[in-house]
Amino acid sequence: MTAPATFAAVFAALYAAHSVGDIWVQTHADACAKGNPGWEGRAACARHVATLTLTKTASLALVVIAAGLTLHLLPLLAGLAMDAASHYWADRRVTLQRLADRLGKAEFYRLGAGHLGSGAHALDQSWHVGWLFITALIITL
């Protein structure tokens, strides 16, 4: 496969796995607790990120096998680690909220608070997709 095709396949695999792992694989308990202060919130967020990273790893393994891709271990590990760190950072919630406040997105962040489809959810998902793009670049360097 060419480098652009490899990048596209890796990004598609990460994007699909993110959608599944962030919604279907994440437990309800972790989804509710991951933004809580203290160790309870940190542990819930870490569990979520661990299962999400495993989902992304499995998706990448499938695309490697199905498409015959060759990925190198160090960029793969670095990309997945960066993705996990960025996901954990955003999913602790107060961090993303503070960033939104600083960038003049406070009103949008609070739009529809407490519901899916809220401003917070939209900013969260766009943050994650942006990092999926960076992760795919790192993995396919």
C-alpha atoms as a PDB file:
ATOM      1  CA  MET A   1       0.000   0.000   0.000  1.00  0.00           C
ATOM      2  CA  THR A   2       1.119   3.558  -0.619  1.00  0.00           C
ATOM      3  CA  ALA A   3       1.750   5.897   2.304  1.00  0.00           C
ATOM      4  CA  PRO A   4      -1.464   7.905   1.697  1.00  0.00           C
ATOM      5  CA  ALA A   5      -3.516   4.705   1.467  1.00  0.00           C
ATOM      6  CA  THR A   6      -1.929   3.368   4.655  1.00  0.00           C
ATOM      7  CA  PHE A   7      -2.719   6.629   6.435  1.00  0.00           C
ATOM      8  CA  ALA A   8      -6.329   6.502   5.201  1.00  0.00           C
ATOM      9  CA  ALA A   9      -6.766   2.886   6.319  1.00  0.00           C
ATOM     10  CA  VAL A  10      -5.263   3.591   9.756  1.00  0.00           C
ATOM     11  CA  PHE A  11      -7.389   6.713  10.239  1.00  0.00           C
ATOM     12  CA  ALA A  12     -10.553   4.867   9.180  1.00  0.00           C
ATOM     13  CA  ALA A  13      -9.786   2.015  11.580  1.00  0.00           C
ATOM     14  CA  LEU A  14      -9.126   4.429  14.442  1.00  0.00           C
ATOM     15  CA  TYR A  15     -12.256   6.456  13.691  1.00  0.00           C
ATOM     16  CA  ALA A  16     -14.506   3.396  13.583  1.00  0.00           C
ATOM     17  CA  ALA A  17     -12.962   1.962  16.741  1.00  0.00           C
ATOM     18  CA  HIS A  18     -13.328   5.301  18.500  1.00  0.00           C
ATOM     19  CA  SER A  19     -17.038   5.400  17.714  1.00  0.00           C
ATOM     20  CA  VAL A  20     -17.538   1.868  19.030  1.00  0.00           C
ATOM     21  CA  GLY A  21     -15.172   2.112  21.992  1.00  0.00           C
ATOM     22  CA  ASP A  22     -16.295   5.531  23.193  1.00  0.00           C
ATOM     23  CA  ILE A  23     -19.991   4.620  23.211  1.00  0.00           C
ATOM     24  CA  TRP A  24     -20.627   0.854  23.057  1.00  0.00           C
ATOM     25  CA  VAL A  25     -17.614  -0.508  24.954  1.00  0.00           C
ATOM     26  CA  GLN A  26     -17.519   2.107  27.706  1.00  0.00           C
ATOM     27  CA  THR A  27     -19.506   1.033  30.754  1.00  0.00           C
ATOM     28  CA  HIS A  28     -22.306   3.213  32.041  1.00  0.00           C
ATOM     29  CA  ALA A  29     -20.615   3.413  35.440  1.00  0.00           C
ATOM     30  CA  ASP A  30     -17.351   4.673  33.932  1.00  0.00           C
ATOM     31  CA  ALA A  31     -19.201   7.134  31.687  1.00  0.00           C
ATOM     32  CA  CYS A  32     -20.950   8.591  34.727  1.00  0.00           C
ATOM     33  CA  ALA A  33     -17.899   8.676  37.014  1.00  0.00           C
ATOM     34  CA  LYS A  34     -14.951   9.546  34.728  1.00  0.00           C
ATOM     35  CA  GLY A  35     -15.336  13.282  35.280  1.00  0.00           C
ATOM     36  CA  ASN A  36     -15.685  13.042  39.059  1.00  0.00           C
ATOM     37  CA  PRO A  37     -12.970  14.549  41.250  1.00  0.00           C
ATOM     38  CA  GLY A  38     -10.517  12.320  43.077  1.00  0.00           C
ATOM     39  CA  TRP A  39      -9.433   8.753  42.584  1.00  0.00           C
ATOM     40  CA  GLU A  40     -12.892   7.444  41.715  1.00  0.00           C
ATOM     41  CA  GLY A  41     -13.028   9.697  38.650  1.00  0.00           C
ATOM     42  CA  ARG A  42      -9.425   9.059  37.678  1.00  0.00           C
ATOM     43  CA  ALA A  43      -9.886   5.284  37.903  1.00  0.00           C
ATOM     44  CA  ALA A  44     -13.127   5.353  35.889  1.00  0.00           C
ATOM     45  CA  CYS A  45     -11.477   7.467  33.202  1.00  0.00           C
ATOM     46  CA  ALA A  46      -8.417   5.183  33.131  1.00  0.00           C
ATOM     47  CA  ARG A  47     -10.640   2.098  32.729  1.00  0.00           C
ATOM     48  CA  HIS A  48     -12.509   3.766  29.885  1.00  0.00           C
ATOM     49  CA  VAL A  49      -9.307   4.804  28.121  1.00  0.00           C
ATOM     50  CA  ALA A  50      -7.860   1.303  28.553  1.00  0.00           C
ATOM     51  CA  THR A  51     -10.865  -0.392  26.948  1.00  0.00           C
ATOM     52  CA  LEU A  52     -10.980   2.269  24.241  1.00  0.00           C
ATOM     53  CA  THR A  53      -7.286   1.744  23.449  1.00  0.00           C
ATOM     54  CA  LEU A  54      -7.810  -2.025  23.310  1.00  0.00           C
ATOM     55  CA  THR A  55     -10.701  -1.481  20.896  1.00  0.00           C
ATOM     56  CA  LYS A  56      -8.500   0.711  18.689  1.00  0.00           C
ATOM     57  CA  THR A  57      -5.665  -1.827  18.842  1.00  0.00           C
ATOM     58  CA  ALA A  58      -8.012  -4.620  17.745  1.00  0.00           C
ATOM     59  CA  SER A  59      -9.349  -2.478  14.907  1.00  0.00           C
ATOM     60  CA  LEU A  60      -5.829  -1.694  13.732  1.00  0.00           C
ATOM     61  CA  ALA A  61      -4.897  -5.385  13.914  1.00  0.00           C
ATOM     62  CA  LEU A  62      -7.872  -6.249  11.712  1.00  0.00           C
ATOM     63  CA  VAL A  63      -6.993  -3.638   9.110  1.00  0.00           C
ATOM     64  CA  VAL A  64      -3.343  -4.748   9.120  1.00  0.00           C
ATOM     65  CA  ILE A  65      -4.427  -8.322   8.422  1.00  0.00           C
ATOM     66  CA  ALA A  66      -7.188  -7.493   5.942  1.00  0.00           C
ATOM     67  CA  ALA A  67      -5.251  -4.872   3.965  1.00  0.00           C
ATOM     68  CA  GLY A  68      -1.788  -6.337   4.389  1.00  0.00           C
ATOM     69  CA  LEU A  69      -0.443  -3.178   6.004  1.00  0.00           C
ATOM     70  CA  THR A  70       2.969  -2.956   7.580  1.00  0.00           C
ATOM     71  CA  LEU A  71       3.054  -0.795  10.690  1.00  0.00           C
ATOM     72  CA  HIS A  72       6.155  -0.235  12.777  1.00  0.00           C
ATOM     73  CA  LEU A  73       5.966  -0.927  16.492  1.00  0.00           C
ATOM     74  CA  LEU A  74       7.445   2.284  17.949  1.00  0.00           C
ATOM     75  CA  PRO A  75       5.274   4.719  15.960  1.00  0.00           C
ATOM     76  CA  LEU A  76       2.266   2.496  16.673  1.00  0.00           C
ATOM     77  CA  LEU A  77       2.904   2.528  20.425  1.00  0.00           C
ATOM     78  CA  ALA A  78       3.705   6.260  20.426  1.00  0.00           C
ATOM     79  CA  GLY A  79       0.540   7.072  18.494  1.00  0.00           C
ATOM     80  CA  LEU A  80      -1.705   4.951  20.707  1.00  0.00           C
ATOM     81  CA  ALA A  81      -0.092   6.397  23.854  1.00  0.00           C
ATOM     82  CA  MET A  82      -0.624   9.965  22.642  1.00  0.00           C
ATOM     83  CA  ASP A  83      -4.205   9.176  21.694  1.00  0.00           C
ATOM     84  CA  ALA A  84      -4.858   7.601  25.104  1.00  0.00           C
ATOM     85  CA  ALA A  85      -3.346  10.581  26.928  1.00  0.00           C
ATOM     86  CA  SER A  86      -5.352  13.109  24.917  1.00  0.00           C
ATOM     87  CA  HIS A  87      -8.543  11.119  25.451  1.00  0.00           C
ATOM     88  CA  TYR A  88      -7.971  10.829  29.200  1.00  0.00           C
ATOM     89  CA  TRP A  89      -7.243  14.569  29.415  1.00  0.00           C
ATOM     90  CA  ALA A  90     -10.479  15.528  27.667  1.00  0.00           C
ATOM     91  CA  ASP A  91     -12.654  12.946  29.403  1.00  0.00           C
ATOM     92  CA  ARG A  92     -11.766  14.201  32.859  1.00  0.00           C
ATOM     93  CA  ARG A  93     -14.221  16.922  31.698  1.00  0.00           C
ATOM     94  CA  VAL A  94     -13.080  19.905  33.746  1.00  0.00           C
ATOM     95  CA  THR A  95      -9.970  20.152  31.556  1.00  0.00           C
ATOM     96  CA  LEU A  96     -11.936  20.401  28.301  1.00  0.00           C
ATOM     97  CA  GLN A  97     -14.398  22.790  29.933  1.00  0.00           C
ATOM     98  CA  ARG A  98     -11.548  25.082  31.011  1.00  0.00           C
ATOM     99  CA  LEU A  99     -10.100  25.002  27.492  1.00  0.00           C
ATOM    100  CA  ALA A 100     -13.510  25.866  26.038  1.00  0.00           C
ATOM    101  CA  ASP A 101     -13.823  28.738  28.508  1.00  0.00           C
ATOM    102  CA  ARG A 102     -10.390  30.101  27.568  1.00  0.00           C
ATOM    103  CA  LEU A 103     -11.122  29.883  23.851  1.00  0.00           C
ATOM    104  CA  GLY A 104     -14.427  31.725  24.121  1.00  0.00           C
ATOM    105  CA  LYS A 105     -16.539  28.558  23.737  1.00  0.00           C
ATOM    106  CA  ALA A 106     -18.031  28.576  27.259  1.00  0.00           C
ATOM    107  CA  GLU A 107     -21.576  29.287  26.103  1.00  0.00           C
ATOM    108  CA  PHE A 108     -21.399  26.593  23.410  1.00  0.00           C
ATOM    109  CA  TYR A 109     -19.876  24.101  25.871  1.00  0.00           C
ATOM    110  CA  ARG A 110     -22.847  24.549  28.217  1.00  0.00           C
ATOM    111  CA  LEU A 111     -25.457  24.419  25.437  1.00  0.00           C
ATOM    112  CA  GLY A 112     -27.842  21.534  26.107  1.00  0.00           C
ATOM    113  CA  ALA A 113     -25.969  20.561  29.280  1.00  0.00           C
ATOM    114  CA  GLY A 114     -26.834  17.090  30.539  1.00  0.00           C
ATOM    115  CA  HIS A 115     -27.933  15.747  27.163  1.00  0.00           C
ATOM    116  CA  LEU A 116     -26.262  13.964  24.276  1.00  0.00           C
ATOM    117  CA  GLY A 117     -25.980  16.363  21.417  1.00  0.00           C
ATOM    118  CA  SER A 118     -24.833  19.071  23.807  1.00  0.00           C
ATOM    119  CA  GLY A 119     -22.110  21.575  23.105  1.00  0.00           C
ATOM    120  CA  ALA A 120     -19.855  19.717  25.543  1.00  0.00           C
ATOM    121  CA  HIS A 121     -20.398  16.461  23.628  1.00  0.00           C
ATOM    122  CA  ALA A 122     -19.699  18.126  20.276  1.00  0.00           C
ATOM    123  CA  LEU A 123     -16.489  19.724  21.566  1.00  0.00           C
ATOM    124  CA  ASP A 124     -15.454  16.423  23.181  1.00  0.00           C
ATOM    125  CA  GLN A 125     -15.953  14.420  19.995  1.00  0.00           C
ATOM    126  CA  SER A 126     -14.256  16.993  17.763  1.00  0.00           C
ATOM    127  CA  TRP A 127     -11.282  16.991  20.174  1.00  0.00           C
ATOM    128  CA  HIS A 128     -11.044  13.202  19.911  1.00  0.00           C
ATOM    129  CA  VAL A 129     -11.331  13.132  16.104  1.00  0.00           C
ATOM    130  CA  GLY A 130      -8.603  15.759  15.817  1.00  0.00           C
ATOM    131  CA  TRP A 131      -6.326  13.571  17.907  1.00  0.00           C
ATOM    132  CA  LEU A 132      -7.254  10.513  15.829  1.00  0.00           C
ATOM    133  CA  PHE A 133      -5.894  12.392  12.817  1.00  0.00           C
ATOM    134  CA  ILE A 134      -2.634  13.172  14.666  1.00  0.00           C
ATOM    135  CA  THR A 135      -2.448   9.572  15.904  1.00  0.00           C
ATOM    136  CA  ALA A 136      -2.810   8.231  12.360  1.00  0.00           C
ATOM    137  CA  LEU A 137      -0.030  10.556  11.210  1.00  0.00           C
ATOM    138  CA  ILE A 138       2.275   9.337  13.994  1.00  0.00           C
ATOM    139  CA  ILE A 139       1.504   5.674  13.352  1.00  0.00           C
ATOM    140  CA  THR A 140       2.125   5.930   9.617  1.00  0.00           C
ATOM    141  CA  LEU A 141       5.299   8.073   9.688  1.00  0.00           C
END
